[in-house]
Amino acid sequence: MAPQGKIYRGSVKDFQGFDANQDAEALYNAMKGFGSDKEAILDLITSRSNKQRVEICQAYKSLYGKDLIADLKYELTGKFERLIVSLMRPPAYGDAKEVKDAISGVGTDEKCLIEILASRTNQEIHDLVAAYKDAYGRDLEADIVGDTSGHFKKMLVVLLQGAREEDDVVSEDLVEQDAKDLLEAGELKWGTDEAQFIYILGRRSRQHLRLVFDEYLKIAGKPIERSIRGELSGDFEKLMLAVVKCIRSKAEYFAERLYKAMKGLGTRDNTLIRIMVSRSEIDMLDIREVFRTKYEKSLYNMIKEDTSGEYKKALLKLCGGDDDAAGEFFPEAAQVAYRMWELSAVKVELRGTVQPAGDFNDDGDAQVLRKAMKGLGTDEGAIIEVVTKRSNAQRQQIIKAYKAHYGRDLLADLKSELSGSLAKLILGLMLTPAQYDAKQLRKAVEGAGTDESVLIEIMATRNNQEIRAINEAYQEAYHKSLEDDLSSDTSGHFKRILVSLALGNRDEGPENLTQAHEDAKVVAETLKLADVSSNDSSDSLETRFLSILCTRSYPHLRRVFQEFIKMTNHDVEHAIKKRMSGDVRDAFVAIVRSVKNKPAFFADKLYKSMKGAGTDERTLTRIMISRSEIDLFNIRGEFIDLFDKSLHHMIEKDTSGDYRKALLALCGGED
């Protein structure tokens, strides 16, 4: 099953006590007479390995002179029939059938071609080419060349050679050269040198390319995926992204494909069947765990909710278990998590989308705003144009110029002229960042109930300087300390977390490896994942854990969380979610995500504010205002990486009127 020295990661194994003749007879009896015993068929076929199923086909032919696959096709129908018949074919012949169907008839199923050719090993590609020739008497390369075009065709042909380098010895010089060549072929070139992308991504070894991608991030300041999206297009872009994803982690690639096959209305059953069958004896356990970690839901439960009948039962048998119940964390998911922490340590330039206006004239802008609000009606377009195209520092100058020129309070005038979501957005932009955050925190704690999510978002993501400025603005505006209000409105460990963060005393130094190892032990012991028990009391451990997450520097915490993975084979975020609950869990998860990738944290919050029915305009407005001059450009990049749609597109679809116009101006462009 698994190569020597490798742990078997499939969900379907050889059946102990296997007897091909006995199984052939059982299947014959299940299909004999009126109707068929579908339960017996699915139980038997899903609990045998592919090698054993092939032997059953041969035994069936010997015993009854009939073709088992033909009989199964006759007796079964629909998706269930497609799934069972797919399980009966040897892997290479299964891939050959999928590719043949993808290029036969009108149109081409490019997604199927991409998935198979981007993910298979050299040997699997060679077996596919031979199986295609044997089954259809045709040359696969010739058929693909005849059915595709351009750079997409060229890359498919390169992959079809099954000639990817397999040497694990990596040259640092060649890694640097390839990263530089990719940068020069795309980002630094007028037009794109697609041939360079094809050569490097189509031929170099997986180990080599992983290091090339890391080096590319360092020199380009963005992941290779983002450059591919910007430089390439169409099916060629999709193919190259699939190659990159498979190089990074095939389990993660297939987890994403499975999730997309089932999310939303309708199910892409062909994709679901193909992946569940083709990975059941390779890496299904890895796919399951990455799926559980990435989507906070088990593959088993998603299949259960999205399918029905015998089809569902057969898919669940191939899945092999429910990770929501088990709560395990496997090595592949740990490796994916470790790599994410390594990437988070790479310095990336943070960029806002709102820049200071070059030809700024505070008096002129004050006059434009006064004119827009004078007389009957209000010129919202003029207000949006001025306010969203000036930096916050310039807006503060406009406020002063307006007062000097007209003896009036600009914010009061805007408040009386605008209404609804647009008013909240424009007025928020006119406050300083510290005043705006202080106001959001005040709203979160005053009145009946507390908005813990706002407290967590602001306190967990602001740096020391921002926290201190918020404290001053809060004291000035509300004549009481932020710490006092947080203390009186929250309780327990959650209160301690917020008060600790409100001090703005996080270390700002580099990592300390010796200390990081000790800190990782405290984190492991607190989360009950350490092999050794501590002499510390439970209260003392929790205090140290809180202190580590709330006061250590970001570079140091990244190292702590990497040490934690090495020590426990768990990702700290996953472990916190499993072992903590409520506001304490949410606060610690926000800190961890902020340390890992702050723009991705905000991208996720923006997506959740707009997905589904209704829009959480408070969250949308708050993040668009607070990040517009810090890292909204980076958030846009993370948004499209995570959700395969642009922030601009989602705002355009989910909002309306002048509010939408102002948000899109802050967004700063379509990706």
Foldseek 3Di string as FASTA:
>chain_A
DDPPPDDWAFQADADPPDDLLVLLVQQCVQLPDPAGVLVSLLVSLLNHAQVSLQSNQVNNCVVPVDGPLVSLCVRDDDLSNVLSSLSNDDLLLSLLVQCCVQQDDPHGVLVSLLLVLLADALVSLVSNQVNNCVPPVDGSLVSLPVRDDDLLNVLSNLSSNNAADADLDEDPVVLLVLLVQCCCQFVVDDAGDSVSLSVPLSHYHLNSVVSSQLNNCQVVLDGPLLRLVVRDDDSSSVSSNSNSVSSLPVLLSLLVQCCVQQPDPHGVSVSLSSCLSNCNRHRLNLNQQLNCVVVVAGSLVSLVVRDDDSSSVSSNSSSNDGCVVVVDFDLNNLSSLLVLLVSLLRDHAFFFQADADPPDDLLVLLVQCCVQQPDPAGNLVSLLVSLLNHAQVSLQSNQVSNCVVPVDGSLVSLCVRDDDLSNVLSSLSNDDLLLNLLVQCCVQQDDPHGDLVSLLQVLLQDALVSLVSNQVNNCVVPVDGSLVSLCVRDDDPLNVLSNLSSNNQADADAADLVVLLVLLQLLCQLLVQAPDHDPDDNVVSSVSNSCCLRHYHLNRVSSSQSSNCVRRVDGSLSSLVVRDDDSVNVNSNSNVVSSSPVLLSLLVQCCVQQPDPHGVSVSNSSCLSNCNGTHLVVNQSSNCVVPVAGSLVSLVVRDDDSSSVSSNSSSNDGD
